[in-house]
Protein backbone atom coordinates (compact mmCIF):
# COMPACT_ATOMS: atom_id res chain seq x y z
CA MET A 1 -3.94 2.35 11.43
CA SER A 2 -5.48 -0.86 12.73
CA ASN A 3 -9.18 -0.48 13.37
CA ILE A 4 -12.26 -2.49 14.38
CA GLU A 5 -15.84 -1.86 13.26
CA ILE A 6 -19.08 -3.73 13.95
CA LEU A 7 -20.80 -3.97 10.56
CA ASN A 8 -24.28 -5.12 9.59
CA ASN A 9 -24.92 -7.33 6.57
CA ILE A 10 -21.33 -7.10 5.34
CA GLU A 11 -20.10 -9.33 2.50
CA LEU A 12 -16.60 -10.54 3.25
CA PRO A 13 -14.12 -12.82 1.46
CA SER A 14 -13.89 -16.06 3.39
CA TYR A 15 -11.06 -18.56 2.81
CA TYR A 16 -12.57 -20.74 5.50
CA VAL A 17 -15.72 -21.45 3.44
CA ASN A 18 -15.32 -24.18 0.83
CA ASN A 19 -11.55 -24.08 1.34
CA ASN A 20 -11.08 -21.27 -1.18
CA ILE A 21 -11.71 -17.60 -1.57
CA SER A 22 -15.43 -17.12 -1.61
CA TYR A 23 -17.81 -14.52 -0.26
CA LYS A 24 -20.27 -14.74 2.60
CA THR A 25 -22.63 -12.21 4.21
CA PHE A 26 -22.20 -11.63 7.93
CA ASP A 27 -24.46 -9.66 10.29
CA LYS A 28 -23.15 -7.65 13.27
CA PHE A 29 -19.66 -8.86 12.45
CA PRO A 30 -16.41 -7.35 13.79
CA TYR A 31 -14.40 -6.12 10.80
CA LEU A 32 -10.62 -5.76 11.28
CA SER A 33 -8.68 -3.49 8.97
CA LEU A 34 -5.15 -2.16 8.57
CA ASN A 35 -4.90 1.31 7.01
CA GLY A 36 -8.45 0.91 5.74
CA ILE A 37 -7.72 -2.44 4.09
CA LEU A 38 -9.30 -5.71 5.23
CA CYS A 39 -6.90 -7.84 7.31
CA PHE A 40 -7.68 -11.07 5.51
CA SER A 41 -6.14 -13.65 7.87
CA THR A 42 -7.58 -12.28 11.15
CA ASN A 43 -11.04 -11.82 9.64
CA ALA A 44 -10.94 -15.37 8.28
CA TYR A 45 -10.14 -16.51 11.82
CA LEU A 46 -13.12 -14.58 13.22
CA GLN A 47 -15.36 -16.02 10.51
CA SER A 48 -14.44 -19.52 11.66
CA PHE A 49 -16.31 -18.83 14.91
CA GLU A 50 -19.45 -17.98 12.93
CA VAL A 51 -19.25 -21.45 11.43
CA ILE A 52 -19.38 -23.06 14.90
CA ASN A 53 -22.05 -20.56 16.06
CA LEU A 54 -20.02 -18.95 18.83
CA ASN A 55 -22.07 -16.13 20.35
CA LYS A 56 -21.50 -12.64 18.93
CA LEU A 57 -20.20 -11.06 22.14
CA SER A 58 -17.44 -13.69 22.41
CA ILE A 59 -16.42 -13.13 18.78
CA ILE A 60 -16.28 -9.38 19.33
CA LYS A 61 -14.16 -9.87 22.47
CA ILE A 62 -11.67 -11.96 20.45
CA ALA A 63 -11.73 -9.30 17.71
CA TYR A 64 -10.73 -6.56 20.17
CA ALA A 65 -7.86 -8.73 21.44
CA LEU A 66 -6.60 -9.28 17.88
CA ASN A 67 -7.01 -5.58 17.12
CA THR A 68 -4.62 -4.82 20.00
CA PHE A 69 -2.20 -7.31 18.46
CA LEU A 70 -2.49 -5.77 14.97
CA LYS A 71 -1.98 -2.25 16.33
CA TYR A 72 1.23 -3.41 18.00
CA CYS A 73 2.48 -5.08 14.81
CA GLU A 74 1.76 -1.91 12.86
CA LYS A 75 3.48 0.28 15.47
CA GLU A 76 6.58 -1.93 15.44
CA ASN A 77 6.44 -2.43 11.65
CA ILE A 78 6.15 -6.24 11.97
CA GLU A 79 4.33 -8.36 9.40
CA VAL A 80 1.89 -10.88 10.88
CA ASN A 81 3.58 -13.75 9.07
CA GLU A 82 7.00 -12.66 10.44
CA PHE A 83 6.00 -12.37 14.13
CA ASN A 84 8.45 -14.46 16.20
CA GLU A 85 9.41 -15.45 19.76
CA GLU A 86 11.32 -12.21 20.44
CA ASN A 87 8.39 -10.14 19.16
CA LEU A 88 6.05 -12.11 21.43
CA ILE A 89 8.13 -11.38 24.57
CA ASN A 90 8.21 -7.66 23.71
CA PHE A 91 4.46 -7.68 22.99
CA ALA A 92 3.71 -9.31 26.35
CA ASN A 93 5.81 -6.65 28.15
CA PHE A 94 3.97 -3.94 26.25
CA LEU A 95 0.59 -5.37 27.30
CA LYS A 96 1.72 -5.67 30.90
CA ASN A 97 3.14 -2.13 31.20
CA GLU A 98 0.82 -0.01 29.02
CA ALA A 99 -0.75 2.73 31.17
CA ASP A 100 -3.30 5.51 30.84
CA ASP A 101 -2.75 9.26 31.32
CA ASN A 102 -2.90 8.81 35.10
CA ASN A 103 -0.13 6.18 34.95
CA SER A 104 -2.59 3.42 35.88
CA LYS A 105 -2.06 0.09 34.14
CA LEU A 106 -4.66 -0.63 31.47
CA ARG A 107 -4.73 -4.38 32.01
CA ASN A 108 -4.54 -6.90 34.81
CA ASN A 109 -2.75 -10.24 34.41
CA THR A 110 -5.90 -12.03 33.29
CA SER A 111 -6.48 -9.53 30.46
CA VAL A 112 -2.87 -9.80 29.31
CA ASN A 113 -3.09 -13.59 29.22
CA TYR A 114 -6.39 -13.48 27.33
CA ILE A 115 -4.89 -11.38 24.51
CA ILE A 116 -1.78 -13.58 24.28
CA ASN A 117 -3.87 -16.77 24.18
CA CYS A 118 -5.98 -15.25 21.40
CA VAL A 119 -2.74 -14.67 19.46
CA PHE A 120 -1.66 -18.29 20.06
CA ASN A 121 -5.01 -19.64 18.84
CA PHE A 122 -4.91 -17.33 15.81
CA TYR A 123 -1.48 -18.65 14.76
CA ASN A 124 -2.68 -22.25 15.06
CA PHE A 125 -5.59 -21.33 12.77
CA TYR A 126 -3.25 -19.41 10.43
CA GLY A 127 -0.90 -22.38 10.08
CA ALA A 128 -3.65 -24.95 9.58
CA THR A 129 -5.66 -22.83 7.12
CA PHE A 130 -3.04 -21.07 5.02
CA LEU A 131 0.10 -23.22 5.43
CA ASP A 132 -1.40 -26.68 5.99
CA GLU A 133 0.63 -27.02 9.21
CA LYS A 134 -0.95 -28.26 12.44
CA ASN A 135 0.11 -26.81 15.82
CA TYR A 136 1.80 -23.97 13.99
CA CYS A 137 1.92 -21.89 17.17
CA ASN A 138 4.29 -24.45 18.73
CA LYS A 139 6.70 -23.99 15.81
CA VAL A 140 6.68 -20.19 15.79
CA PHE A 141 6.93 -19.67 19.55
CA ASN A 142 8.47 -21.58 22.42
CA VAL A 143 5.05 -22.70 23.60
CA LYS A 144 3.68 -25.98 24.90
CA GLU A 145 0.09 -27.21 24.83
CA VAL A 146 -0.92 -28.77 28.14
CA GLN A 147 -3.85 -31.16 28.51
CA TYR A 148 -6.09 -30.80 31.55
CA LYS A 149 -9.51 -31.88 32.75
CA THR A 150 -12.46 -29.67 33.60
CA LYS A 151 -15.65 -30.73 35.30
CA PHE A 152 -17.26 -31.43 31.94
CA LYS A 153 -14.51 -32.22 29.41
CA ASN A 154 -10.83 -32.60 28.55
CA ALA A 155 -9.26 -29.31 27.48
CA THR A 156 -6.00 -27.82 26.25
CA LYS A 157 -4.20 -24.68 27.39
CA PHE A 158 -0.98 -22.96 26.33
CA ALA A 159 2.11 -22.77 28.52
CA HIS A 160 4.68 -20.03 27.87
CA SER A 161 7.06 -17.96 29.97
CA CYS A 162 5.33 -14.70 28.89
CA LEU A 163 2.01 -15.76 30.44
CA LEU A 164 1.45 -14.14 33.83
CA ILE A 165 0.05 -15.45 37.09
CA ARG A 166 -3.70 -15.16 36.83
CA SER A 167 -5.23 -12.13 38.53
CA GLU A 168 -7.68 -12.54 41.33
CA LYS A 169 -11.23 -12.68 40.04
CA ARG A 170 -12.50 -9.17 39.43
CA THR A 171 -15.80 -8.28 41.01
CA ARG A 172 -17.81 -5.35 39.70
CA SER A 173 -19.36 -2.92 42.10
CA PRO A 174 -23.11 -2.27 41.94
CA ILE A 175 -24.15 0.69 39.85
CA SER A 176 -24.87 3.67 42.07
CA ASN A 177 -28.39 5.09 42.45
CA GLU A 178 -27.02 8.40 41.16
CA ASN A 179 -25.77 6.78 37.94
CA ILE A 180 -29.06 4.91 37.46
CA GLN A 181 -30.84 8.27 37.49
CA LYS A 182 -28.32 9.69 35.01
CA ILE A 183 -28.98 6.72 32.71
CA ARG A 184 -32.74 7.30 32.99
CA ASP A 185 -32.30 10.96 32.07
CA ALA A 186 -30.05 10.05 29.12
CA VAL A 187 -32.81 7.91 27.55
CA TYR A 188 -34.53 11.04 26.20
CA LYS A 189 -31.27 12.65 25.07
CA LEU A 190 -30.02 9.63 23.11
CA THR A 191 -32.69 9.63 20.38
CA ASP A 192 -35.92 11.31 19.27
CA ASN A 193 -37.44 7.92 18.37
CA LYS A 194 -40.39 7.54 20.79
CA PHE A 195 -40.41 3.75 20.58
CA VAL A 196 -36.68 3.44 21.36
CA GLN A 197 -37.09 5.90 24.24
CA GLN A 198 -39.91 3.85 25.79
CA ARG A 199 -38.21 0.51 25.13
CA ASN A 200 -34.95 1.65 26.74
CA LYS A 201 -36.85 3.16 29.68
CA ILE A 202 -38.64 -0.17 30.31
CA LEU A 203 -35.40 -2.10 29.81
CA ILE A 204 -33.61 -0.05 32.48
CA LYS A 205 -36.61 -0.36 34.81
CA LEU A 206 -36.62 -4.17 34.54
CA LEU A 207 -32.85 -4.38 34.97
CA GLU A 208 -33.29 -2.41 38.17
CA ILE A 209 -36.35 -4.12 39.69
CA THR A 210 -35.69 -7.76 38.71
CA GLY A 211 -31.91 -8.20 38.83
CA ALA A 212 -32.24 -10.27 35.66
CA ARG A 213 -29.38 -11.07 33.33
CA VAL A 214 -29.63 -9.52 29.85
CA THR A 215 -30.30 -12.88 28.19
CA GLU A 216 -33.09 -13.51 30.69
CA LEU A 217 -34.67 -10.12 30.03
CA ILE A 218 -34.69 -10.34 26.24
CA GLY A 219 -36.38 -13.72 26.64
CA LEU A 220 -39.33 -12.13 28.47
CA SER A 221 -42.67 -12.27 26.67
CA ILE A 222 -45.64 -9.92 26.75
CA PHE A 223 -47.60 -12.85 28.21
CA ASP A 224 -45.18 -13.00 31.19
CA ILE A 225 -45.98 -9.35 31.89
CA GLU A 226 -49.74 -9.77 31.47
CA ASN A 227 -49.79 -12.85 33.71
CA ALA A 228 -47.90 -10.97 36.44
CA PHE A 229 -50.26 -7.99 36.16
CA ASN A 230 -53.31 -10.21 36.69
CA GLN A 231 -51.94 -11.57 39.98
CA ASP A 232 -52.91 -10.16 43.39
CA ASN A 233 -49.25 -10.23 44.39
CA PRO A 234 -47.50 -9.72 41.05
CA MET A 235 -44.43 -11.83 40.26
CA ILE A 236 -42.55 -11.91 36.97
CA LYS A 237 -41.55 -15.34 35.71
CA LEU A 238 -37.92 -15.44 34.56
CA LYS A 239 -36.12 -18.31 32.86
CA THR A 240 -32.86 -18.85 34.72
CA ILE A 241 -29.85 -19.32 32.46
CA LYS A 242 -26.57 -21.00 33.46
CA ARG A 243 -28.51 -24.07 34.56
CA LYS A 244 -28.93 -27.40 32.84
CA GLY A 245 -32.48 -27.96 31.69
CA GLU A 246 -35.30 -25.45 32.17
CA HIS A 247 -35.32 -23.56 35.45
CA PHE A 248 -37.61 -20.66 36.31
CA ARG A 249 -37.81 -18.20 39.17
CA TYR A 250 -40.40 -15.63 40.23
CA VAL A 251 -39.47 -12.08 41.19
CA PRO A 252 -42.01 -9.83 42.99
CA VAL A 253 -42.71 -6.52 41.24
CA ASP A 254 -44.90 -3.50 41.83
CA LYS A 255 -48.26 -3.23 40.04
CA ASN A 256 -47.52 0.34 38.95
CA ASP A 257 -44.31 -0.77 37.24
CA LEU A 258 -46.23 -3.46 35.39
CA ARG A 259 -48.86 -0.92 34.36
CA GLU A 260 -46.11 1.20 32.78
CA ILE A 261 -44.74 -1.84 30.91
CA ILE A 262 -48.20 -2.72 29.57
CA THR A 263 -48.56 0.85 28.27
CA TYR A 264 -45.31 0.34 26.35
CA ILE A 265 -46.66 -2.94 24.95
CA LYS A 266 -50.04 -1.58 23.82
CA ILE A 267 -49.02 1.85 22.52
CA TYR A 268 -45.41 1.64 21.31
CA ARG A 269 -44.51 -2.02 20.77
CA SER A 270 -47.74 -2.82 18.91
CA LYS A 271 -47.01 -0.15 16.26
CA VAL A 272 -43.61 -1.66 15.43
CA ILE A 273 -45.05 -5.20 15.35
CA LYS A 274 -47.86 -4.13 12.97
CA LYS A 275 -45.37 -2.33 10.72
CA TYR A 276 -42.83 -5.14 10.31
CA LEU A 277 -44.54 -8.40 11.20
CA LYS A 278 -47.76 -10.00 10.08
CA SER A 279 -50.24 -10.68 12.86
CA ASN A 280 -49.90 -14.44 12.45
CA LYS A 281 -46.14 -14.14 13.02
CA GLU A 282 -46.32 -12.38 16.40
CA HIS A 283 -43.44 -13.90 18.37
CA GLY A 284 -44.46 -12.40 21.72
CA PHE A 285 -41.03 -11.14 22.83
CA LEU A 286 -41.27 -8.03 24.99
CA PHE A 287 -38.16 -6.31 23.67
CA ILE A 288 -37.91 -5.90 19.91
CA ASN A 289 -35.73 -4.21 17.32
CA GLU A 290 -37.20 -0.92 16.09
CA LYS A 291 -36.15 -1.62 12.46
CA THR A 292 -37.23 -5.25 12.09
CA GLY A 293 -39.74 -6.03 14.83
CA LYS A 294 -37.68 -9.10 15.74
CA GLN A 295 -36.47 -10.08 19.21
CA LEU A 296 -33.82 -7.72 20.56
CA GLU A 297 -30.29 -9.16 20.73
CA SER A 298 -28.03 -9.11 23.78
CA ILE A 299 -25.35 -7.16 21.94
CA THR A 300 -27.88 -4.41 21.14
CA VAL A 301 -28.67 -4.02 24.85
CA SER A 302 -24.95 -3.77 25.66
CA ASN A 303 -24.39 -1.18 22.92
CA GLU A 304 -27.40 0.90 24.02
CA LEU A 305 -26.09 1.03 27.60
CA ILE A 306 -22.67 2.14 26.35
CA ARG A 307 -24.31 4.93 24.35
CA LEU A 308 -26.46 5.95 27.34
CA ARG A 309 -23.42 5.97 29.63
CA ASN A 310 -21.58 8.26 27.18
CA ILE A 311 -24.57 10.62 26.88
CA ALA A 312 -24.89 10.67 30.68
CA GLN A 313 -21.16 11.49 30.94
CA ILE A 314 -20.55 8.65 33.39
CA ASN A 315 -16.82 7.92 33.65
CA GLN A 316 -17.11 4.67 35.61
CA GLU A 317 -17.76 1.29 34.01
CA THR A 318 -21.48 0.84 33.44
CA CYS A 319 -22.97 -2.39 32.16
CA ALA A 320 -26.20 -4.37 32.50
CA HIS A 321 -24.70 -6.77 35.04
CA MET A 322 -24.02 -3.88 37.43
CA PHE A 323 -27.79 -3.37 37.70
CA ARG A 324 -27.98 -6.99 38.82
CA HIS A 325 -25.31 -6.27 41.45
CA ARG A 326 -27.36 -3.28 42.65
CA PHE A 327 -30.53 -5.38 42.88
CA ILE A 328 -28.84 -8.15 44.88
CA THR A 329 -27.09 -5.69 47.21
CA ASN A 330 -30.38 -3.87 47.83
CA MET A 331 -32.10 -7.18 48.64
CA PHE A 332 -29.50 -7.96 51.30
CA ILE A 333 -29.81 -4.41 52.67
CA HIS A 334 -33.59 -4.84 53.05
CA LEU A 335 -33.23 -8.25 54.70
CA ILE A 336 -30.53 -7.03 57.07
CA LYS A 337 -32.74 -4.08 58.02
CA GLN A 338 -35.55 -6.53 58.79
CA TYR A 339 -33.28 -8.43 61.14
CA ASP A 340 -32.25 -5.18 62.78
CA LEU A 341 -35.87 -4.28 63.39
CA GLN A 342 -37.02 -7.67 64.55
CA ASN A 343 -34.11 -8.74 66.75
CA LYS A 344 -32.84 -6.98 69.85
CA ASP A 345 -29.37 -8.33 69.20
CA SER A 346 -29.27 -6.59 65.85
CA PHE A 347 -27.38 -8.26 63.02
CA ARG A 348 -25.71 -10.84 65.29
CA ASN A 349 -28.73 -13.12 65.11
CA ALA A 350 -28.82 -12.85 61.33
CA LEU A 351 -25.18 -13.86 61.09
CA MET A 352 -25.91 -17.00 63.11
CA ASP A 353 -28.15 -18.16 60.28
CA VAL A 354 -26.76 -16.24 57.29
CA ASN A 355 -27.58 -19.07 54.89
CA ASN A 356 -31.25 -18.23 55.33
CA LEU A 357 -30.50 -14.82 53.86
CA LYS A 358 -28.57 -16.31 50.96
CA VAL A 359 -31.19 -18.97 50.17
CA HIS A 360 -33.87 -16.30 50.04
CA ILE A 361 -31.81 -14.15 47.65
CA GLN A 362 -30.82 -17.19 45.58
CA GLN A 363 -34.50 -17.89 44.87
CA LEU A 364 -34.85 -14.39 43.42
CA THR A 365 -31.59 -14.18 41.47
CA GLY A 366 -31.07 -17.69 40.14
CA HIS A 367 -27.51 -18.02 41.47
CA LYS A 368 -26.20 -21.55 41.19
CA ASN A 369 -23.94 -21.43 44.26
CA LEU A 370 -24.72 -19.84 47.61
CA GLY A 371 -21.05 -18.97 48.10
CA SER A 372 -21.14 -16.52 45.19
CA LEU A 373 -23.53 -14.33 47.22
CA ASP A 374 -21.07 -13.69 50.06
CA HIS A 375 -19.63 -10.69 48.22
CA TYR A 376 -23.03 -8.96 48.28
CA ILE A 377 -23.41 -9.41 52.04
CA HIS A 378 -20.18 -7.45 52.52
CA LEU A 379 -21.37 -4.77 50.08
CA ALA A 380 -24.72 -4.49 51.88
CA LYS A 381 -23.12 -4.25 55.32
CA SER A 382 -20.69 -1.63 54.01
CA GLU A 383 -23.48 0.49 52.53
CA LEU A 384 -25.52 0.17 55.71
CA THR A 385 -22.50 1.23 57.78
CA ASN A 386 -21.99 4.27 55.58
CA MET A 387 -25.71 4.99 55.79
CA SER A 388 -25.54 4.70 59.57
CA ASP A 389 -22.60 7.11 59.68
CA VAL A 390 -24.48 9.61 57.53
CA LEU A 391 -27.59 9.37 59.71
CA SER A 392 -25.45 9.72 62.82
CA ASN A 393 -23.82 12.87 61.41
CA ILE A 394 -27.22 14.29 60.52
CA ASN A 395 -28.47 13.55 64.04
CA GLN A 396 -25.45 15.25 65.59
CA SER A 397 -25.94 18.30 63.38
CA GLN A 398 -29.60 18.49 64.35
CA LYS A 399 -28.70 18.31 68.06
CA LEU A 400 -26.08 21.06 67.66
CA GLU A 401 -28.53 23.30 65.81
CA ALA A 402 -31.18 22.74 68.53
CA LYS A 403 -28.62 23.62 71.22
CA GLU A 404 -27.65 26.83 69.42
CA ARG A 405 -31.30 27.81 69.07
CA GLU A 406 -31.86 27.26 72.82
CA GLN A 407 -28.76 29.33 73.68
CA LYS A 408 -30.08 32.20 71.56
CA ARG A 409 -33.49 31.91 73.17
CA LEU A 410 -32.05 32.06 76.71
CA LEU A 411 -29.90 35.07 75.81
CA GLU A 412 -32.93 36.83 74.35
CA GLU A 413 -34.96 36.06 77.51
CA LEU A 414 -32.13 37.52 79.63
CA LYS A 415 -32.02 40.71 77.53
CA LEU A 416 -35.79 41.14 77.81
CA GLY A 417 -35.65 40.66 81.56
CA ASN A 418 -37.82 37.56 81.53
CA ILE A 419 -35.12 35.66 83.43
CA ASP A 420 -32.35 36.91 85.74
CA LEU A 421 -28.62 36.18 85.39
CA ASN A 422 -28.67 33.25 87.86
CA GLU A 423 -31.49 31.55 85.95
CA TYR A 424 -29.63 32.14 82.70
CA ILE A 425 -26.39 30.58 84.05
CA LYS A 426 -28.26 27.64 85.56
CA ASN A 427 -30.07 26.86 82.29
CA MET A 428 -26.86 27.19 80.27
CA GLU A 429 -25.12 24.69 82.59
CA ILE A 430 -27.97 22.22 82.10
CA LEU A 431 -27.85 22.78 78.32
CA ASN A 432 -24.09 22.15 78.16
CA LYS A 433 -24.12 18.91 80.14
């Protein structure tokens, strides 16, 4: 059975290195196997990305796509080197139509295309590396390579009849407050390691209160936290990624939250640093690996959240970026509420100058384009509408309960003779208006 494992410090045969079979040690590397045996060609392909220093998460994503391909080949009893045009068409239909137990499709068009393109790129690598044939994919399948221009460079994409129309861009919903609490509770169930418990607790807290991307969070230093704590109006300095050059933003935080983070630094983090690193090699990163004392990696954060989600028994998708969605949505909710309180015409006035809202949020989140924030305005308005409906229902219930209490009181007064029948009827008529 085809399988994928993420292995640490694994020594693998690598055809790609020195153009012959040699061995190289890889760390946090996706290992593809068939029936427990290394799939040499696909792993050699994955190793090629290590050579060009592609980030680990991207390599793992490609590995999962190829694992789907290998599982299909195994199921259909097709050798990788015998996969042909007919097999490709059938594989594409399989990807498109595969469903879960509830008969819901497992993949959208974009996901199907991604897997197929990974297969195309693999066969080009396979031909060039093992057969000394360039553009091998074009020879095996009825595929064309199309040149196109992006904003930054010339690029190539594959064209084939099995590729589907691209799906609309998927937008994740914010993580719910209920699921955030479940994640918090799961921190203490996941492990008995006190340091990991405290580190994960602080990680979740910062995801929630800063809206930072994972890469931005793991780049935080203890000095950033200390500097914020010493301010009258504390603000954490975050380096904004996805921008050319160095860009920073400042996010306001509560002093009590910072105090909790400093406790983690002084009591828990310091012990790990002293154990694994010499004092003169203190790197200053806030989040560190419990086994090495080195800076925590993005993939570790992602894996920890997956484990926490499983422990918390959360069935919905839960990832770090959904905390960012929650933060941004909450910011819009707060700003909209401010407009509601300050303007007699409610949200209408805010809509007349909605860019002011977006600019304010952009300064806190580091978004490159204002337009990408529109989605969160709709989410905020939707949540506020639901909140308003809930409050309205509560208010109606309270009024009904008060009316019932008054009816009982009047009836009791009538029975005791404190009021006569005419007074009772008159008061009931007033009550029922």
